[in-house]
Amino acid sequence: MNAMIENLGLTVAVSPLMDLLAKGGVVVGLLLVVSVLALTIVFAKLWQFWLAGVGRHRKAEQSVAVWRVGKRAEAYKIVASDRSPLSDVLAHTMRGLMKPQVPEEKVREDVERVCLTHLGDLRSYLRALDMIAQIAPLLGLFGTVLGMIGAFQAMADAGSQVDPSTLAGGIWVALMTTAVGLAVAIPASVMLSLFEGRIEKEQGAMERMVTELFTGAVTSATAQPEEATSASKLPRFEVVHDAP
C-alpha cells in the first residue's frame, strides 16, 4: 500500500515535468538540463565557501592586531590554526617576514602567488555559471522562434480554414520556452553576482591586511609626524630680559 502511494506521488510530481517537455520540445529539455547544471554549481560553490570560511575574518583581524603589538609568534599561531584563505595568506606573509634573510620583495611575490591561487580556486566554475546565465535566454528565444515558425507554417497549410484557437495554442507553447529560459537565467545571474561580490570582499580583505603587516600601519593616528618628533628633540632656550 505504501509503495503504491509513493509511486502515485512520484507520478504526480513527474507528470507536470513530462507535460512541459512534451509541449516545449527539445529546447525545453535542454534548458532543464542546463538548470540542473546551474543548480549543481550553485550548491557546490556554497559548500566550498562554507568550508573555506569565506567572509569569516575574526581570527585574521585578531592576528593582525596581535602582530602589530609585537607578539609575532602568537599572531602566527592564530592564523596557522585557521583554514580560511585569508588566514592562509596571512600565515605565508608572517612566515616570510619572520625570516630576516629573505628580501621583502621575495616575500611580496610569494604572497601574491598564494593570493592568486586562493582567488582562482574561489572563482572556479563561475565562468560556467556566467555562460549559463547568458545562453539560457538565447535558448529560450531560439525555442520561441522555432515554435512561431511552426505555428505560422500550420496556419499557412490550413489556408482559409485557420482555427484561431489552434494558432493561439501554438504561440503560447512557443513563448513558454522564453519563459523557461528566463527562469533559468535570472537565478543563475543573481547567484553569480553574489559569488563575485563575496570574492571581491575577500580579495579586498587580503590586500588590506597583508599591506598592514608589511607597513605596520605607519599612517595610523598613533604615529607621530616626523617633523613634530624632530622638533620635540630640539633644545629649548629661555628668553632672559636685561634688568633696567
Protein backbone atom coordinates (compact mmCIF):
# COMPACT_ATOMS: atom_id res chain seq x y z
CA MET A 1 0.00 0.00 0.00
CA ASN A 2 2.79 2.42 0.92
CA ALA A 3 4.61 1.53 -2.27
CA MET A 4 1.53 2.36 -4.29
CA ILE A 5 1.20 5.74 -2.54
CA GLU A 6 4.85 6.53 -3.16
CA ASN A 7 4.56 5.58 -6.82
CA LEU A 8 1.44 7.72 -7.13
CA GLY A 9 3.21 10.70 -5.56
CA LEU A 10 6.16 10.25 -7.88
CA THR A 11 3.83 10.08 -10.86
CA VAL A 12 2.06 13.29 -9.81
CA ALA A 13 5.42 15.06 -9.39
CA VAL A 14 6.82 13.85 -12.72
CA SER A 15 3.64 14.43 -14.72
CA PRO A 16 3.94 18.27 -14.97
CA LEU A 17 7.59 17.92 -15.95
CA MET A 18 6.79 15.42 -18.70
CA ASP A 19 3.95 17.64 -19.89
CA LEU A 20 6.34 20.59 -20.05
CA LEU A 21 8.82 18.53 -22.04
CA ALA A 22 6.11 17.34 -24.40
CA LYS A 23 4.94 20.88 -25.12
CA GLY A 24 8.31 22.63 -25.16
CA GLY A 25 10.19 20.03 -27.12
CA VAL A 26 13.96 19.66 -27.31
CA VAL A 27 14.71 23.25 -26.32
CA VAL A 28 12.87 22.98 -23.01
CA GLY A 29 14.58 19.66 -22.34
CA LEU A 30 17.96 21.30 -22.97
CA LEU A 31 17.04 24.18 -20.67
CA LEU A 32 16.09 21.74 -17.91
CA VAL A 33 19.47 20.06 -18.25
CA VAL A 34 21.17 23.46 -18.08
CA SER A 35 19.14 24.36 -14.98
CA VAL A 36 20.28 21.18 -13.23
CA LEU A 37 23.86 22.04 -14.09
CA ALA A 38 23.46 25.58 -12.76
CA LEU A 39 21.88 24.32 -9.55
CA THR A 40 24.74 21.87 -9.07
CA ILE A 41 27.31 24.65 -9.48
CA VAL A 42 25.47 26.91 -7.02
CA PHE A 43 25.31 24.26 -4.29
CA ALA A 44 28.93 23.27 -4.90
CA LYS A 45 30.10 26.89 -4.57
CA LEU A 46 28.03 27.43 -1.41
CA TRP A 47 29.61 24.32 0.10
CA GLN A 48 33.09 25.44 -0.97
CA PHE A 49 32.65 28.92 0.50
CA TRP A 50 31.35 27.50 3.76
CA LEU A 51 34.21 25.03 4.11
CA ALA A 52 36.78 27.72 3.26
CA GLY A 53 35.32 30.16 5.76
CA VAL A 54 34.85 32.91 3.20
CA GLY A 55 33.69 36.08 4.93
CA ARG A 56 34.78 34.98 8.40
CA HIS A 57 37.66 37.33 9.24
CA ARG A 58 37.58 37.42 13.04
CA LYS A 59 40.71 35.32 13.58
CA ALA A 60 42.58 37.12 10.81
CA GLU A 61 41.81 40.55 12.27
CA GLN A 62 42.76 39.34 15.73
CA SER A 63 46.06 38.01 14.40
CA VAL A 64 46.93 41.30 12.70
CA ALA A 65 46.17 43.21 15.89
CA VAL A 66 48.45 40.90 17.89
CA TRP A 67 51.16 41.21 15.24
CA ARG A 68 51.11 45.00 15.47
CA VAL A 69 51.87 44.95 19.18
CA GLY A 70 54.96 42.86 18.56
CA LYS A 71 53.73 39.36 19.52
CA ARG A 72 54.65 37.73 16.23
CA ALA A 73 54.72 34.10 17.33
CA GLU A 74 51.32 34.38 18.97
CA ALA A 75 49.88 36.13 15.92
CA TYR A 76 51.19 33.37 13.65
CA LYS A 77 49.62 30.63 15.80
CA ILE A 78 46.20 32.26 15.45
CA VAL A 79 46.15 32.14 11.65
CA ALA A 80 48.08 28.88 11.34
CA SER A 81 45.21 27.03 13.02
CA ASP A 82 42.55 28.58 10.76
CA ARG A 83 41.52 27.14 7.38
CA SER A 84 40.24 30.25 5.63
CA PRO A 85 42.06 31.59 2.53
CA LEU A 86 42.69 34.92 4.27
CA SER A 87 44.33 33.24 7.27
CA ASP A 88 46.49 31.12 4.98
CA VAL A 89 47.67 34.24 3.12
CA LEU A 90 48.50 35.97 6.41
CA ALA A 91 50.35 32.87 7.62
CA HIS A 92 52.52 32.90 4.50
CA THR A 93 53.18 36.62 4.97
CA MET A 94 54.16 36.22 8.60
CA ARG A 95 56.48 33.31 7.87
CA GLY A 96 58.22 35.39 5.24
CA LEU A 97 58.52 38.47 7.45
CA MET A 98 59.92 36.41 10.31
CA LYS A 99 62.88 35.43 8.10
CA PRO A 100 65.20 38.45 8.02
CA GLN A 101 67.49 36.82 5.46
CA VAL A 102 64.69 36.78 2.85
CA PRO A 103 64.28 40.09 0.95
CA GLU A 104 60.92 41.78 1.32
CA GLU A 105 60.40 41.77 -2.45
CA LYS A 106 60.61 37.97 -2.49
CA VAL A 107 58.06 37.74 0.32
CA ARG A 108 55.68 40.03 -1.54
CA GLU A 109 55.97 37.97 -4.73
CA ASP A 110 55.30 34.70 -2.91
CA VAL A 111 52.36 36.16 -1.01
CA GLU A 112 50.92 37.42 -4.28
CA ARG A 113 51.22 33.91 -5.68
CA VAL A 114 49.33 32.47 -2.71
CA CYS A 115 46.61 35.13 -3.04
CA LEU A 116 46.12 34.42 -6.73
CA THR A 117 45.93 30.68 -6.04
CA HIS A 118 43.18 31.08 -3.45
CA LEU A 119 41.23 33.58 -5.53
CA GLY A 120 41.50 31.30 -8.55
CA ASP A 121 40.05 28.43 -6.52
CA LEU A 122 37.18 30.62 -5.32
CA ARG A 123 36.43 31.71 -8.89
CA SER A 124 36.36 28.15 -10.24
CA TYR A 125 33.20 27.22 -12.21
CA LEU A 126 31.92 30.80 -12.09
CA ARG A 127 32.64 31.14 -15.80
CA ALA A 128 30.34 28.18 -16.46
CA LEU A 129 27.62 29.80 -14.33
CA ASP A 130 28.09 33.04 -16.25
CA MET A 131 27.78 31.17 -19.54
CA ILE A 132 24.53 29.55 -18.36
CA ALA A 133 23.12 32.94 -17.37
CA GLN A 134 23.92 34.27 -20.85
CA ILE A 135 22.83 31.39 -23.07
CA ALA A 136 19.63 30.37 -21.24
CA PRO A 137 17.60 33.38 -22.54
CA LEU A 138 19.03 32.82 -26.00
CA LEU A 139 17.98 29.18 -25.94
CA GLY A 140 14.51 30.24 -24.83
CA LEU A 141 14.30 32.77 -27.64
CA PHE A 142 15.51 30.15 -30.10
CA GLY A 143 12.72 27.81 -28.99
CA THR A 144 10.19 30.62 -29.34
CA VAL A 145 11.33 31.37 -32.87
CA LEU A 146 11.08 27.70 -33.81
CA GLY A 147 7.61 27.50 -32.27
CA MET A 148 6.43 30.60 -34.09
CA ILE A 149 7.73 29.21 -37.35
CA GLY A 150 5.80 26.01 -36.75
CA ALA A 151 2.62 27.90 -35.80
CA PHE A 152 2.67 30.11 -38.89
CA GLN A 153 3.53 27.17 -41.10
CA ALA A 154 0.47 25.35 -39.79
CA MET A 155 -1.58 28.48 -40.44
CA ALA A 156 -0.28 28.65 -43.99
CA ASP A 157 -1.07 24.97 -44.59
CA ALA A 158 -4.62 25.42 -43.26
CA GLY A 159 -5.32 28.21 -45.71
CA SER A 160 -8.73 29.76 -45.16
CA GLN A 161 -9.69 27.09 -42.59
CA VAL A 162 -7.45 28.53 -39.87
CA ASP A 163 -8.60 27.88 -36.33
CA PRO A 164 -7.64 30.87 -34.13
CA SER A 165 -7.57 28.68 -31.00
CA THR A 166 -5.03 26.34 -32.59
CA LEU A 167 -2.87 29.29 -33.63
CA ALA A 168 -3.07 30.82 -30.15
CA GLY A 169 -2.14 27.48 -28.58
CA GLY A 170 0.90 27.19 -30.82
CA ILE A 171 2.04 30.70 -29.98
CA TRP A 172 1.54 30.04 -26.24
CA VAL A 173 3.70 26.94 -26.42
CA ALA A 174 6.36 28.86 -28.35
CA LEU A 175 6.50 31.68 -25.81
CA MET A 176 6.80 29.15 -22.99
CA THR A 177 10.38 28.40 -23.98
CA THR A 178 11.34 32.04 -23.47
CA ALA A 179 9.78 31.95 -20.01
CA VAL A 180 11.71 28.79 -19.13
CA GLY A 181 14.93 30.35 -20.38
CA LEU A 182 14.42 33.45 -18.24
CA ALA A 183 13.52 31.29 -15.24
CA VAL A 184 16.90 29.60 -15.57
CA ALA A 185 18.94 32.71 -16.35
CA ILE A 186 17.68 35.07 -13.64
CA PRO A 187 18.60 32.93 -10.59
CA ALA A 188 21.92 31.99 -12.19
CA SER A 189 22.76 35.66 -12.76
CA VAL A 190 21.78 36.60 -9.20
CA MET A 191 23.91 33.86 -7.64
CA LEU A 192 26.81 34.75 -9.91
CA SER A 193 26.70 38.36 -8.71
CA LEU A 194 26.56 37.23 -5.08
CA PHE A 195 29.55 34.92 -5.50
CA GLU A 196 31.60 37.57 -7.27
CA GLY A 197 30.75 40.10 -4.57
CA ARG A 198 31.95 37.77 -1.82
CA ILE A 199 35.17 37.08 -3.72
CA GLU A 200 35.82 40.80 -4.19
CA LYS A 201 35.36 41.37 -0.46
CA GLU A 202 37.76 38.52 0.28
CA GLN A 203 40.33 39.97 -2.12
CA GLY A 204 39.97 43.41 -0.54
CA ALA A 205 40.49 41.94 2.93
CA MET A 206 43.62 40.12 1.72
CA GLU A 207 45.11 43.27 0.24
CA ARG A 208 44.27 45.38 3.30
CA MET A 209 45.61 43.01 5.94
CA VAL A 210 48.73 41.96 4.04
CA THR A 211 49.59 45.62 3.45
CA GLU A 212 49.07 46.27 7.15
CA LEU A 213 51.54 43.51 8.00
CA PHE A 214 54.16 44.99 5.69
CA THR A 215 53.70 48.63 6.62
CA GLY A 216 52.69 48.28 10.24
CA ALA A 217 50.02 50.98 9.76
CA VAL A 218 52.57 53.79 9.69
CA THR A 219 49.86 56.32 8.87
CA SER A 220 47.62 55.49 11.81
CA ALA A 221 46.61 58.10 14.36
CA THR A 222 49.12 56.77 16.87
CA ALA A 223 52.06 57.55 14.59
CA GLN A 224 53.69 60.93 15.16
CA PRO A 225 54.77 63.14 12.24
CA GLU A 226 58.49 63.22 11.65
CA GLU A 227 58.70 67.00 11.84
CA ALA A 228 56.92 67.12 15.16
CA THR A 229 59.15 64.38 16.53
CA SER A 230 62.32 66.12 15.40
CA ALA A 231 61.10 69.45 16.69
CA SER A 232 60.43 67.98 20.10
CA LYS A 233 64.08 66.92 20.31
CA LEU A 234 65.45 70.42 19.75
CA PRO A 235 66.88 72.18 22.83
CA ARG A 236 64.71 74.86 24.32
CA PHE A 237 66.13 78.28 25.23
CA GLU A 238 64.55 80.63 27.69
CA VAL A 239 64.46 84.34 26.86
CA VAL A 240 66.21 86.38 29.54
CA HIS A 241 65.35 90.08 29.69
CA ASP A 242 68.00 92.54 30.88
CA ALA A 243 67.19 94.26 34.13
CA PRO A 244 66.58 98.01 33.77
